[in-house]
Amino acid sequence: MSGKYILEIAAQELHLLPQRAIWWPARKALIVSDLHIGKAAHFRKAGISLPQTALHDDLAVLEKLITDLDAAEVIATGDLFHSKHNREVDTFGIWRNRFPEVAFHLVQGNHDILKAQAYTDLQLQVTRCLQVENLAFCHDKPLIFAPDYYYLTGHLHPGVQLRGAGRQVLRLPCFYFSDQYAVLPAFSRLTGLAMLTPVSGDRLFVIADGKTVLAV
């Protein structure tokens, strides 16, 4: 997979992909966050126009990652869905049926408000926090960190603002890593960016031009 940045954290090798995902080769696990499936339909129902192809584009990227990497499982760190059940959830269900052999874990986020039966029908294994090896997956960073785990989270849709020559200002998605937890970029292109200001010791990995690069 080209354009990735290979990082060792908590004795685990993680590949930060420019597709806004993490590949964990030891587990053959693809880690994503904040797809917000159903957001476009939810906003269109309220009279706000959003691209109808956005979900199909996101699922096409996710499908290519699963296929190219031969992923055995997907771990979504929350907000896989955006709101109540709508036709985009049905679209995801059809897509999900194409990968019955791939385990799909959903760490429930604040937007994941579907009925419990819907998750069962979609073949999703739902939890509030998932612990695998010495990594813990939560939607938001916990108030108290267990000392034996490094946390991978979502929720914030992290971004960074960079200034170039000629006073150009770029706002780009990024992976954020502190000493205790990381924040994944939102997988969906329909989300905004929360500009982060790193403190000493933090690392930001910016996604630009099809590559993931260390910015700070």
N, C-alpha and C. Protein backbone atom coordinates (compact mmCIF):
# COMPACT_ATOMS: atom_id res chain seq x y z
N MET A 1 0.86 -1.19 0.00
CA MET A 1 0.00 0.00 0.00
C MET A 1 0.89 1.24 0.00
N SER A 2 0.86 2.02 -1.06
CA SER A 2 1.76 3.16 -1.21
C SER A 2 1.27 4.36 -0.40
N GLY A 3 2.21 5.24 -0.07
CA GLY A 3 1.87 6.48 0.61
C GLY A 3 1.66 6.36 2.10
N LYS A 4 1.86 5.18 2.66
CA LYS A 4 1.61 4.96 4.08
C LYS A 4 2.79 5.43 4.93
N TYR A 5 2.52 5.61 6.20
CA TYR A 5 3.57 5.89 7.18
C TYR A 5 3.52 4.76 8.21
N ILE A 6 4.65 4.07 8.40
CA ILE A 6 4.70 2.95 9.34
C ILE A 6 5.18 3.45 10.69
N LEU A 7 4.37 3.18 11.69
CA LEU A 7 4.61 3.70 13.03
C LEU A 7 4.54 2.55 14.03
N GLU A 8 5.47 2.53 14.98
CA GLU A 8 5.38 1.56 16.07
C GLU A 8 4.89 2.26 17.31
N ILE A 9 3.80 1.74 17.85
CA ILE A 9 3.21 2.32 19.06
C ILE A 9 2.76 1.17 19.95
N ALA A 10 3.10 1.24 21.22
CA ALA A 10 2.75 0.20 22.18
C ALA A 10 3.18 -1.18 21.69
N ALA A 11 4.37 -1.23 21.09
CA ALA A 11 4.95 -2.47 20.57
C ALA A 11 4.15 -3.08 19.42
N GLN A 12 3.29 -2.27 18.79
CA GLN A 12 2.50 -2.72 17.65
C GLN A 12 2.86 -1.91 16.42
N GLU A 13 2.99 -2.57 15.29
CA GLU A 13 3.26 -1.88 14.04
C GLU A 13 1.94 -1.47 13.39
N LEU A 14 1.78 -0.18 13.18
CA LEU A 14 0.57 0.36 12.57
C LEU A 14 0.95 1.10 11.29
N HIS A 15 0.16 0.92 10.26
CA HIS A 15 0.38 1.61 8.99
C HIS A 15 -0.68 2.69 8.86
N LEU A 16 -0.25 3.94 8.83
CA LEU A 16 -1.17 5.07 8.67
C LEU A 16 -1.38 5.30 7.19
N LEU A 17 -2.57 5.03 6.71
CA LEU A 17 -2.85 5.05 5.28
C LEU A 17 -3.41 6.39 4.83
N PRO A 18 -3.06 6.84 3.63
CA PRO A 18 -3.61 8.10 3.13
C PRO A 18 -5.11 8.04 2.86
N GLN A 19 -5.67 6.84 2.88
CA GLN A 19 -7.13 6.70 2.73
C GLN A 19 -7.86 6.97 4.05
N ARG A 20 -7.16 7.54 5.03
CA ARG A 20 -7.73 7.92 6.34
C ARG A 20 -8.09 6.68 7.17
N ALA A 21 -7.25 5.71 7.13
CA ALA A 21 -7.45 4.47 7.87
C ALA A 21 -6.11 3.99 8.40
N ILE A 22 -6.17 3.04 9.33
CA ILE A 22 -4.96 2.40 9.86
C ILE A 22 -5.03 0.91 9.56
N TRP A 23 -3.91 0.37 9.10
CA TRP A 23 -3.80 -1.06 8.88
C TRP A 23 -2.92 -1.65 9.98
N TRP A 24 -3.44 -2.68 10.63
CA TRP A 24 -2.73 -3.36 11.72
C TRP A 24 -2.39 -4.75 11.20
N PRO A 25 -1.21 -4.92 10.61
CA PRO A 25 -0.91 -6.18 9.91
C PRO A 25 -0.89 -7.40 10.82
N ALA A 26 -0.48 -7.25 12.07
CA ALA A 26 -0.41 -8.41 12.96
C ALA A 26 -1.78 -9.05 13.17
N ARG A 27 -2.83 -8.26 13.07
CA ARG A 27 -4.20 -8.77 13.24
C ARG A 27 -4.98 -8.83 11.92
N LYS A 28 -4.34 -8.38 10.85
CA LYS A 28 -5.03 -8.23 9.57
C LYS A 28 -6.31 -7.41 9.77
N ALA A 29 -6.16 -6.33 10.54
CA ALA A 29 -7.30 -5.49 10.92
C ALA A 29 -7.19 -4.11 10.28
N LEU A 30 -8.29 -3.67 9.73
CA LEU A 30 -8.40 -2.33 9.18
C LEU A 30 -9.18 -1.48 10.18
N ILE A 31 -8.60 -0.35 10.57
CA ILE A 31 -9.19 0.51 11.60
C ILE A 31 -9.64 1.81 10.94
N VAL A 32 -10.92 2.16 11.12
CA VAL A 32 -11.48 3.37 10.53
C VAL A 32 -12.33 4.08 11.58
N SER A 33 -12.69 5.30 11.27
CA SER A 33 -13.52 6.06 12.21
C SER A 33 -14.43 7.02 11.47
N ASP A 34 -15.59 7.26 12.02
CA ASP A 34 -16.47 8.35 11.59
C ASP A 34 -16.83 8.31 10.11
N LEU A 35 -17.51 7.23 9.70
CA LEU A 35 -18.02 7.19 8.34
C LEU A 35 -19.32 7.99 8.20
N HIS A 36 -20.07 8.11 9.29
CA HIS A 36 -21.31 8.88 9.30
C HIS A 36 -22.26 8.47 8.17
N ILE A 37 -22.45 7.16 8.04
CA ILE A 37 -23.37 6.65 7.02
C ILE A 37 -24.79 7.13 7.32
N GLY A 38 -25.43 7.68 6.32
CA GLY A 38 -26.78 8.23 6.48
C GLY A 38 -26.80 9.73 6.64
N LYS A 39 -25.63 10.36 6.72
CA LYS A 39 -25.59 11.81 6.95
C LYS A 39 -26.17 12.57 5.76
N ALA A 40 -25.77 12.17 4.56
CA ALA A 40 -26.25 12.89 3.37
C ALA A 40 -27.77 12.80 3.27
N ALA A 41 -28.33 11.60 3.46
CA ALA A 41 -29.78 11.43 3.39
C ALA A 41 -30.48 12.19 4.51
N HIS A 42 -29.87 12.20 5.68
CA HIS A 42 -30.43 12.92 6.83
C HIS A 42 -30.51 14.42 6.53
N PHE A 43 -29.47 14.98 5.95
CA PHE A 43 -29.46 16.41 5.65
C PHE A 43 -30.37 16.74 4.47
N ARG A 44 -30.41 15.86 3.49
CA ARG A 44 -31.30 16.12 2.34
C ARG A 44 -32.76 16.13 2.79
N LYS A 45 -33.10 15.28 3.75
CA LYS A 45 -34.46 15.26 4.28
C LYS A 45 -34.81 16.60 4.94
N ALA A 46 -33.79 17.27 5.48
CA ALA A 46 -33.99 18.57 6.11
C ALA A 46 -33.86 19.72 5.12
N GLY A 47 -33.72 19.38 3.83
CA GLY A 47 -33.64 20.42 2.80
C GLY A 47 -32.25 20.95 2.54
N ILE A 48 -31.25 20.27 3.07
CA ILE A 48 -29.86 20.69 2.86
C ILE A 48 -29.21 19.73 1.88
N SER A 49 -28.72 20.23 0.78
CA SER A 49 -28.20 19.39 -0.28
C SER A 49 -26.78 18.93 0.03
N LEU A 50 -26.58 17.61 -0.01
CA LEU A 50 -25.25 17.03 0.09
C LEU A 50 -25.10 16.02 -1.04
N PRO A 51 -23.86 15.78 -1.49
CA PRO A 51 -23.65 14.89 -2.65
C PRO A 51 -24.23 13.49 -2.42
N GLN A 52 -25.01 13.01 -3.39
CA GLN A 52 -25.63 11.70 -3.24
C GLN A 52 -24.64 10.57 -3.46
N THR A 53 -23.51 10.88 -4.08
CA THR A 53 -22.52 9.83 -4.35
C THR A 53 -21.52 9.65 -3.21
N ALA A 54 -21.59 10.46 -2.17
CA ALA A 54 -20.57 10.45 -1.12
C ALA A 54 -20.45 9.08 -0.46
N LEU A 55 -21.57 8.47 -0.09
CA LEU A 55 -21.52 7.17 0.57
C LEU A 55 -20.93 6.12 -0.36
N HIS A 56 -21.36 6.10 -1.61
CA HIS A 56 -20.85 5.11 -2.55
C HIS A 56 -19.34 5.28 -2.73
N ASP A 57 -18.87 6.52 -2.76
CA ASP A 57 -17.43 6.77 -2.89
C ASP A 57 -16.69 6.25 -1.67
N ASP A 58 -17.22 6.52 -0.47
CA ASP A 58 -16.57 6.05 0.75
C ASP A 58 -16.53 4.53 0.81
N LEU A 59 -17.64 3.90 0.47
CA LEU A 59 -17.69 2.44 0.52
C LEU A 59 -16.79 1.82 -0.54
N ALA A 60 -16.63 2.48 -1.66
CA ALA A 60 -15.72 1.98 -2.70
C ALA A 60 -14.28 2.00 -2.19
N VAL A 61 -13.90 3.06 -1.48
CA VAL A 61 -12.55 3.13 -0.91
C VAL A 61 -12.36 2.05 0.15
N LEU A 62 -13.37 1.89 1.02
CA LEU A 62 -13.29 0.87 2.06
C LEU A 62 -13.21 -0.53 1.45
N GLU A 63 -13.99 -0.78 0.42
CA GLU A 63 -13.96 -2.08 -0.25
C GLU A 63 -12.59 -2.37 -0.85
N LYS A 64 -11.99 -1.39 -1.47
CA LYS A 64 -10.68 -1.59 -2.07
C LYS A 64 -9.63 -1.90 -1.01
N LEU A 65 -9.71 -1.22 0.13
CA LEU A 65 -8.77 -1.48 1.22
C LEU A 65 -8.94 -2.91 1.74
N ILE A 66 -10.18 -3.32 1.97
CA ILE A 66 -10.44 -4.68 2.46
C ILE A 66 -9.91 -5.71 1.48
N THR A 67 -10.16 -5.49 0.20
CA THR A 67 -9.76 -6.45 -0.83
C THR A 67 -8.25 -6.47 -1.03
N ASP A 68 -7.65 -5.30 -1.17
CA ASP A 68 -6.21 -5.23 -1.44
C ASP A 68 -5.39 -5.75 -0.27
N LEU A 69 -5.85 -5.50 0.95
CA LEU A 69 -5.10 -5.90 2.13
C LEU A 69 -5.51 -7.28 2.64
N ASP A 70 -6.55 -7.84 2.06
CA ASP A 70 -7.09 -9.13 2.52
C ASP A 70 -7.40 -9.06 4.01
N ALA A 71 -8.15 -8.05 4.40
CA ALA A 71 -8.45 -7.80 5.81
C ALA A 71 -9.34 -8.91 6.37
N ALA A 72 -9.04 -9.31 7.61
CA ALA A 72 -9.86 -10.30 8.29
C ALA A 72 -10.91 -9.64 9.17
N GLU A 73 -10.65 -8.39 9.55
CA GLU A 73 -11.61 -7.68 10.39
C GLU A 73 -11.51 -6.18 10.16
N VAL A 74 -12.60 -5.50 10.45
CA VAL A 74 -12.67 -4.04 10.42
C VAL A 74 -13.07 -3.59 11.82
N ILE A 75 -12.36 -2.60 12.33
CA ILE A 75 -12.70 -2.00 13.62
C ILE A 75 -13.05 -0.54 13.36
N ALA A 76 -14.28 -0.17 13.65
CA ALA A 76 -14.74 1.21 13.47
C ALA A 76 -14.84 1.86 14.84
N THR A 77 -14.08 2.94 15.04
CA THR A 77 -14.06 3.59 16.35
C THR A 77 -15.16 4.65 16.47
N GLY A 78 -16.36 4.26 16.14
CA GLY A 78 -17.51 5.09 16.41
C GLY A 78 -18.02 5.93 15.26
N ASP A 79 -19.29 6.33 15.39
CA ASP A 79 -20.01 7.11 14.38
C ASP A 79 -19.90 6.47 13.00
N LEU A 80 -20.10 5.17 12.98
CA LEU A 80 -20.24 4.49 11.69
C LEU A 80 -21.49 5.01 11.00
N PHE A 81 -22.52 5.29 11.79
CA PHE A 81 -23.77 5.85 11.27
C PHE A 81 -23.94 7.28 11.80
N HIS A 82 -24.86 8.00 11.20
CA HIS A 82 -25.02 9.41 11.57
C HIS A 82 -26.27 9.68 12.38
N SER A 83 -27.34 8.92 12.14
CA SER A 83 -28.60 9.22 12.80
C SER A 83 -29.48 7.98 12.76
N LYS A 84 -30.77 8.17 12.68
CA LYS A 84 -31.70 7.06 12.64
C LYS A 84 -31.64 6.36 11.28
N HIS A 85 -32.32 5.24 11.21
CA HIS A 85 -32.29 4.40 10.01
C HIS A 85 -32.85 5.17 8.81
N ASN A 86 -32.09 5.15 7.71
CA ASN A 86 -32.58 5.69 6.45
C ASN A 86 -32.03 4.83 5.32
N ARG A 87 -32.29 5.21 4.09
CA ARG A 87 -31.95 4.32 2.98
C ARG A 87 -30.45 4.14 2.79
N GLU A 88 -29.65 5.06 3.29
CA GLU A 88 -28.21 4.87 3.19
C GLU A 88 -27.74 3.74 4.10
N VAL A 89 -28.44 3.52 5.20
CA VAL A 89 -28.15 2.37 6.05
C VAL A 89 -28.45 1.09 5.29
N ASP A 90 -29.54 1.09 4.52
CA ASP A 90 -29.86 -0.07 3.70
C ASP A 90 -28.79 -0.31 2.64
N THR A 91 -28.27 0.77 2.07
CA THR A 91 -27.18 0.65 1.10
C THR A 91 -25.96 0.00 1.73
N PHE A 92 -25.65 0.43 2.95
CA PHE A 92 -24.52 -0.19 3.67
C PHE A 92 -24.79 -1.67 3.91
N GLY A 93 -26.04 -2.01 4.26
CA GLY A 93 -26.38 -3.41 4.50
C GLY A 93 -26.13 -4.28 3.28
N ILE A 94 -26.49 -3.78 2.11
CA ILE A 94 -26.23 -4.52 0.87
C ILE A 94 -24.73 -4.68 0.66
N TRP A 95 -23.99 -3.60 0.90
CA TRP A 95 -22.53 -3.64 0.77
C TRP A 95 -21.93 -4.62 1.78
N ARG A 96 -22.42 -4.60 3.01
CA ARG A 96 -21.88 -5.46 4.06
C ARG A 96 -22.03 -6.94 3.71
N ASN A 97 -23.10 -7.30 3.04
CA ASN A 97 -23.34 -8.69 2.68
C ASN A 97 -22.31 -9.23 1.69
N ARG A 98 -21.52 -8.36 1.10
CA ARG A 98 -20.49 -8.79 0.17
C ARG A 98 -19.26 -9.30 0.90
N PHE A 99 -19.17 -9.06 2.22
CA PHE A 99 -17.99 -9.47 2.99
C PHE A 99 -18.41 -10.21 4.26
N PRO A 100 -19.17 -11.29 4.12
CA PRO A 100 -19.64 -11.99 5.33
C PRO A 100 -18.52 -12.60 6.14
N GLU A 101 -17.37 -12.87 5.50
CA GLU A 101 -16.25 -13.50 6.19
C GLU A 101 -15.41 -12.50 7.00
N VAL A 102 -15.65 -11.22 6.80
CA VAL A 102 -14.88 -10.17 7.49
C VAL A 102 -15.63 -9.77 8.76
N ALA A 103 -14.99 -9.95 9.91
CA ALA A 103 -15.59 -9.51 11.17
C ALA A 103 -15.62 -7.98 11.19
N PHE A 104 -16.74 -7.42 11.64
CA PHE A 104 -16.89 -5.96 11.65
C PHE A 104 -17.28 -5.53 13.06
N HIS A 105 -16.34 -4.86 13.74
CA HIS A 105 -16.55 -4.39 15.10
C HIS A 105 -16.92 -2.91 15.09
N LEU A 106 -17.97 -2.56 15.78
CA LEU A 106 -18.36 -1.16 15.92
C LEU A 106 -18.24 -0.75 17.38
N VAL A 107 -17.34 0.18 17.64
CA VAL A 107 -17.28 0.82 18.96
C VAL A 107 -18.29 1.97 18.90
N GLN A 108 -19.34 1.84 19.64
CA GLN A 108 -20.50 2.71 19.47
C GLN A 108 -20.16 4.16 19.79
N GLY A 109 -20.49 5.07 18.86
CA GLY A 109 -20.27 6.49 19.04
C GLY A 109 -21.56 7.22 19.36
N ASN A 110 -21.46 8.51 19.57
CA ASN A 110 -22.63 9.30 19.97
C ASN A 110 -23.69 9.38 18.87
N HIS A 111 -23.29 9.18 17.61
CA HIS A 111 -24.26 9.21 16.51
C HIS A 111 -24.83 7.83 16.18
N ASP A 112 -24.27 6.79 16.76
CA ASP A 112 -24.74 5.44 16.47
C ASP A 112 -25.97 5.12 17.32
N ILE A 113 -27.13 5.51 16.81
CA ILE A 113 -28.37 5.42 17.59
C ILE A 113 -29.40 4.50 16.92
N LEU A 114 -28.92 3.58 16.08
CA LEU A 114 -29.84 2.62 15.49
C LEU A 114 -30.34 1.66 16.57
N LYS A 115 -31.46 1.01 16.29
CA LYS A 115 -31.97 0.00 17.21
C LYS A 115 -31.03 -1.20 17.23
N ALA A 116 -30.99 -1.89 18.36
CA ALA A 116 -30.07 -3.01 18.54
C ALA A 116 -30.23 -4.06 17.44
N GLN A 117 -31.46 -4.32 17.04
CA GLN A 117 -31.69 -5.34 16.02
C GLN A 117 -31.05 -4.96 14.69
N ALA A 118 -30.98 -3.66 14.41
CA ALA A 118 -30.37 -3.21 13.16
C ALA A 118 -28.90 -3.60 13.10
N TYR A 119 -28.19 -3.47 14.21
CA TYR A 119 -26.78 -3.85 14.24
C TYR A 119 -26.62 -5.36 14.02
N THR A 120 -27.52 -6.12 14.61
CA THR A 120 -27.48 -7.57 14.41
C THR A 120 -27.72 -7.91 12.94
N ASP A 121 -28.71 -7.28 12.34
CA ASP A 121 -29.02 -7.53 10.94
C ASP A 121 -27.87 -7.15 10.02
N LEU A 122 -27.10 -6.14 10.42
CA LEU A 122 -25.96 -5.67 9.62
C LEU A 122 -24.68 -6.44 9.92
N GLN A 123 -24.77 -7.47 10.75
CA GLN A 123 -23.63 -8.31 11.10
C GLN A 123 -22.50 -7.50 11.74
N LEU A 124 -22.88 -6.65 12.68
CA LEU A 124 -21.91 -5.83 13.40
C LEU A 124 -21.80 -6.30 14.83
N GLN A 125 -20.60 -6.38 15.32
CA GLN A 125 -20.34 -6.70 16.72
C GLN A 125 -20.13 -5.38 17.46
N VAL A 126 -21.07 -5.02 18.32
CA VAL A 126 -21.11 -3.68 18.90
C VAL A 126 -20.65 -3.72 20.35
N THR A 127 -19.83 -2.73 20.71
CA THR A 127 -19.35 -2.60 22.08
C THR A 127 -19.09 -1.13 22.37
N ARG A 128 -18.93 -0.80 23.63
CA ARG A 128 -18.61 0.58 24.01
C ARG A 128 -17.12 0.85 23.97
N CYS A 129 -16.33 -0.16 24.26
CA CYS A 129 -14.87 -0.06 24.18
C CYS A 129 -14.34 -1.45 23.89
N LEU A 130 -13.46 -1.55 22.92
CA LEU A 130 -12.92 -2.83 22.49
C LEU A 130 -11.45 -2.90 22.85
N GLN A 131 -11.05 -3.96 23.52
CA GLN A 131 -9.66 -4.17 23.90
C GLN A 131 -9.11 -5.38 23.16
N VAL A 132 -8.06 -5.15 22.38
CA VAL A 132 -7.43 -6.20 21.60
C VAL A 132 -5.92 -6.07 21.81
N GLU A 133 -5.30 -7.17 22.24
CA GLU A 133 -3.88 -7.12 22.58
C GLU A 133 -3.69 -6.01 23.62
N ASN A 134 -2.76 -5.07 23.34
CA ASN A 134 -2.56 -3.96 24.26
C ASN A 134 -3.07 -2.64 23.69
N LEU A 135 -4.02 -2.73 22.76
CA LEU A 135 -4.67 -1.55 22.20
C LEU A 135 -6.13 -1.53 22.66
N ALA A 136 -6.62 -0.35 22.96
CA ALA A 136 -8.02 -0.15 23.33
C ALA A 136 -8.65 0.80 22.32
N PHE A 137 -9.83 0.46 21.88
CA PHE A 137 -10.54 1.25 20.87
C PHE A 137 -11.78 1.86 21.51
N CYS A 138 -11.84 3.18 21.52
CA CYS A 138 -12.98 3.92 22.07
C CYS A 138 -13.37 5.01 21.07
N HIS A 139 -14.59 5.52 21.20
CA HIS A 139 -14.98 6.59 20.30
C HIS A 139 -14.32 7.91 20.68
N ASP A 140 -14.30 8.20 21.96
CA ASP A 140 -13.67 9.42 22.46
C ASP A 140 -12.63 9.02 23.49
N LYS A 141 -11.69 9.89 23.75
CA LYS A 141 -10.65 9.54 24.73
C LYS A 141 -11.30 9.40 26.11
N PRO A 142 -10.88 8.40 26.88
CA PRO A 142 -11.49 8.16 28.19
C PRO A 142 -11.05 9.19 29.22
N LEU A 143 -11.84 9.29 30.27
CA LEU A 143 -11.47 10.20 31.35
C LEU A 143 -10.29 9.65 32.15
N ILE A 144 -10.22 8.32 32.21
CA ILE A 144 -9.12 7.66 32.92
C ILE A 144 -8.51 6.64 31.97
N PHE A 145 -7.20 6.66 31.85
CA PHE A 145 -6.49 5.75 30.96
C PHE A 145 -5.99 4.54 31.74
N ALA A 146 -6.33 3.34 31.27
CA ALA A 146 -5.78 2.13 31.86
C ALA A 146 -4.30 2.04 31.47
N PRO A 147 -3.41 1.81 32.40
CA PRO A 147 -1.98 1.88 32.11
C PRO A 147 -1.47 0.84 31.13
N ASP A 148 -2.20 -0.26 30.96
CA ASP A 148 -1.72 -1.34 30.11
C ASP A 148 -2.15 -1.21 28.65
N TYR A 149 -2.85 -0.11 28.32
CA TYR A 149 -3.38 0.02 26.97
C TYR A 149 -3.01 1.37 26.35
N TYR A 150 -2.84 1.33 25.03
CA TYR A 150 -2.77 2.56 24.25
C TYR A 150 -4.11 2.68 23.53
N TYR A 151 -4.68 3.88 23.52
CA TYR A 151 -6.05 4.08 23.05
C TYR A 151 -6.08 4.66 21.63
N LEU A 152 -6.93 4.09 20.80
CA LEU A 152 -7.20 4.60 19.47
C LEU A 152 -8.65 5.07 19.43
N THR A 153 -8.86 6.33 19.08
CA THR A 153 -10.18 6.95 19.17
C THR A 153 -10.53 7.68 17.87
N GLY A 154 -11.74 8.21 17.84
CA GLY A 154 -12.20 9.01 16.71
C GLY A 154 -12.86 10.27 17.22
N HIS A 155 -14.05 10.54 16.71
CA HIS A 155 -14.95 11.58 17.21
C HIS A 155 -14.59 13.01 16.79
N LEU A 156 -13.32 13.38 16.85
CA LEU A 156 -12.95 14.79 16.67
C LEU A 156 -12.81 15.23 15.22
N HIS A 157 -12.60 14.30 14.30
CA HIS A 157 -12.32 14.64 12.90
C HIS A 157 -11.09 15.57 12.82
N PRO A 158 -9.94 15.11 13.29
CA PRO A 158 -8.79 16.01 13.45
C PRO A 158 -8.23 16.54 12.14
N GLY A 159 -7.79 17.77 12.19
CA GLY A 159 -7.14 18.40 11.05
C GLY A 159 -6.05 19.34 11.52
N VAL A 160 -5.24 19.78 10.59
CA VAL A 160 -4.16 20.70 10.92
C VAL A 160 -4.11 21.78 9.84
N GLN A 161 -3.76 22.96 10.24
CA GLN A 161 -3.65 24.09 9.32
C GLN A 161 -2.18 24.37 9.04
N LEU A 162 -1.81 24.34 7.77
CA LEU A 162 -0.43 24.57 7.37
C LEU A 162 -0.36 25.80 6.49
N ARG A 163 0.72 26.52 6.64
CA ARG A 163 0.95 27.72 5.82
C ARG A 163 2.13 27.48 4.89
N GLY A 164 1.94 27.86 3.63
CA GLY A 164 3.00 27.68 2.65
C GLY A 164 3.49 29.01 2.11
N ALA A 165 4.35 28.92 1.11
CA ALA A 165 4.85 30.13 0.48
C ALA A 165 3.69 30.86 -0.20
N GLY A 166 3.79 32.17 -0.23
CA GLY A 166 2.74 32.96 -0.85
C GLY A 166 1.48 33.07 0.00
N ARG A 167 1.64 32.84 1.30
CA ARG A 167 0.54 32.98 2.27
C ARG A 167 -0.60 32.00 2.06
N GLN A 168 -0.33 30.89 1.35
CA GLN A 168 -1.37 29.88 1.22
C GLN A 168 -1.64 29.22 2.57
N VAL A 169 -2.90 28.94 2.82
CA VAL A 169 -3.29 28.24 4.04
C VAL A 169 -4.02 26.97 3.63
N LEU A 170 -3.52 25.84 4.12
CA LEU A 170 -4.12 24.56 3.82
C LEU A 170 -4.68 23.94 5.09
N ARG A 171 -5.88 23.40 5.01
CA ARG A 171 -6.50 22.68 6.12
C ARG A 171 -6.61 21.23 5.69
N LEU A 172 -5.88 20.35 6.36
CA LEU A 172 -5.75 18.97 5.93
C LEU A 172 -6.10 18.01 7.05
N PRO A 173 -6.68 16.86 6.72
CA PRO A 173 -6.95 15.85 7.75
C PRO A 173 -5.64 15.26 8.25
N CYS A 174 -5.66 14.76 9.48
CA CYS A 174 -4.44 14.21 10.05
C CYS A 174 -4.74 13.12 11.06
N PHE A 175 -3.73 12.32 11.34
CA PHE A 175 -3.72 11.41 12.48
C PHE A 175 -3.02 12.14 13.63
N TYR A 176 -3.60 12.06 14.81
CA TYR A 176 -3.02 12.71 15.99
C TYR A 176 -2.59 11.64 16.98
N PHE A 177 -1.34 11.69 17.42
CA PHE A 177 -0.82 10.74 18.39
C PHE A 177 -0.21 11.47 19.58
N SER A 178 -0.73 11.18 20.77
CA SER A 178 -0.11 11.66 22.00
C SER A 178 0.54 10.45 22.68
N ASP A 179 1.02 10.64 23.89
CA ASP A 179 1.69 9.53 24.56
C ASP A 179 0.72 8.47 25.07
N GLN A 180 -0.58 8.80 25.21
CA GLN A 180 -1.55 7.85 25.74
C GLN A 180 -2.64 7.44 24.76
N TYR A 181 -2.89 8.28 23.77
CA TYR A 181 -3.99 7.97 22.84
C TYR A 181 -3.75 8.62 21.48
N ALA A 182 -4.47 8.10 20.50
CA ALA A 182 -4.44 8.64 19.14
C ALA A 182 -5.85 8.97 18.70
N VAL A 183 -5.98 9.88 17.74
CA VAL A 183 -7.26 10.22 17.14
C VAL A 183 -7.15 10.00 15.64
N LEU A 184 -8.04 9.18 15.10
CA LEU A 184 -8.05 8.93 13.66
C LEU A 184 -8.78 10.04 12.92
N PRO A 185 -8.38 10.30 11.69
CA PRO A 185 -9.17 11.23 10.87
C PRO A 185 -10.50 10.60 10.51
N ALA A 186 -11.49 11.42 10.24
CA ALA A 186 -12.78 10.90 9.78
C ALA A 186 -12.61 10.26 8.41
N PHE A 187 -13.16 9.06 8.26
CA PHE A 187 -13.06 8.37 6.97
C PHE A 187 -13.93 9.04 5.93
N SER A 188 -15.08 9.55 6.34
CA SER A 188 -16.01 10.19 5.41
C SER A 188 -15.50 11.56 4.98
N ARG A 189 -15.67 11.86 3.72
CA ARG A 189 -15.28 13.18 3.19
C ARG A 189 -16.34 14.24 3.48
N LEU A 190 -17.49 13.83 4.03
CA LEU A 190 -18.56 14.79 4.31
C LEU A 190 -18.40 15.48 5.66
N THR A 191 -17.40 15.10 6.42
CA THR A 191 -17.21 15.69 7.75
C THR A 191 -16.28 16.89 7.66
N GLY A 192 -16.41 17.80 8.63
CA GLY A 192 -15.50 18.92 8.72
C GLY A 192 -14.23 18.51 9.44
N LEU A 193 -13.39 19.51 9.72
CA LEU A 193 -12.13 19.27 10.40
C LEU A 193 -12.07 20.09 11.68
N ALA A 194 -11.59 19.46 12.74
CA ALA A 194 -11.33 20.17 14.00
C ALA A 194 -9.84 20.44 14.07
N MET A 195 -9.46 21.72 14.01
CA MET A 195 -8.05 22.08 14.00
C MET A 195 -7.41 21.79 15.36
N LEU A 196 -6.34 21.02 15.35
CA LEU A 196 -5.66 20.64 16.58
C LEU A 196 -4.35 21.41 16.73
N THR A 197 -4.05 21.75 17.96
CA THR A 197 -2.78 22.40 18.28
C THR A 197 -1.98 21.44 19.15
N PRO A 198 -0.94 20.81 18.60
CA PRO A 198 -0.20 19.83 19.39
C PRO A 198 0.60 20.48 20.52
N VAL A 199 0.77 19.71 21.58
CA VAL A 199 1.65 20.14 22.67
C VAL A 199 2.93 19.33 22.56
N SER A 200 3.90 19.66 23.38
CA SER A 200 5.20 19.00 23.31
C SER A 200 5.05 17.48 23.43
N GLY A 201 5.66 16.76 22.50
CA GLY A 201 5.60 15.31 22.50
C GLY A 201 4.54 14.72 21.60
N ASP A 202 3.55 15.52 21.19
CA ASP A 202 2.51 15.04 20.28
C ASP A 202 3.06 14.94 18.86
N ARG A 203 2.44 14.07 18.08
CA ARG A 203 2.81 13.93 16.68
C ARG A 203 1.56 14.01 15.80
N LEU A 204 1.68 14.78 14.73
CA LEU A 204 0.61 14.88 13.75
C LEU A 204 1.11 14.34 12.42
N PHE A 205 0.33 13.44 11.84
CA PHE A 205 0.66 12.87 10.54
C PHE A 205 -0.38 13.35 9.55
N VAL A 206 0.04 14.19 8.63
CA VAL A 206 -0.88 14.86 7.71
C VAL A 206 -1.08 14.02 6.45
N ILE A 207 -2.31 14.04 5.94
CA ILE A 207 -2.64 13.36 4.69
C ILE A 207 -2.71 14.40 3.58
N ALA A 208 -1.82 14.26 2.59
CA ALA A 208 -1.79 15.21 1.49
C ALA A 208 -1.18 14.55 0.27
N ASP A 209 -1.75 14.84 -0.89
CA ASP A 209 -1.22 14.33 -2.16
C ASP A 209 -1.03 12.82 -2.16
N GLY A 210 -2.00 12.10 -1.56
CA GLY A 210 -1.94 10.66 -1.56
C GLY A 210 -0.89 10.05 -0.66
N LYS A 211 -0.39 10.82 0.31
CA LYS A 211 0.64 10.33 1.21
C LYS A 211 0.29 10.73 2.65
N THR A 212 0.79 9.94 3.59
CA THR A 212 0.72 10.29 5.00
C THR A 212 2.13 10.66 5.46
N VAL A 213 2.29 11.88 5.93
CA VAL A 213 3.64 12.36 6.28
C VAL A 213 3.61 12.96 7.68
N LEU A 214 4.75 12.87 8.36
CA LEU A 214 4.89 13.46 9.69
C LEU A 214 5.02 14.96 9.56
N ALA A 215 4.09 15.70 10.18
CA ALA A 215 4.13 17.16 10.11
C ALA A 215 4.75 17.76 11.35
N VAL A 216 4.44 17.19 12.51
CA VAL A 216 4.93 17.70 13.80
C VAL A 216 5.42 16.51 14.62
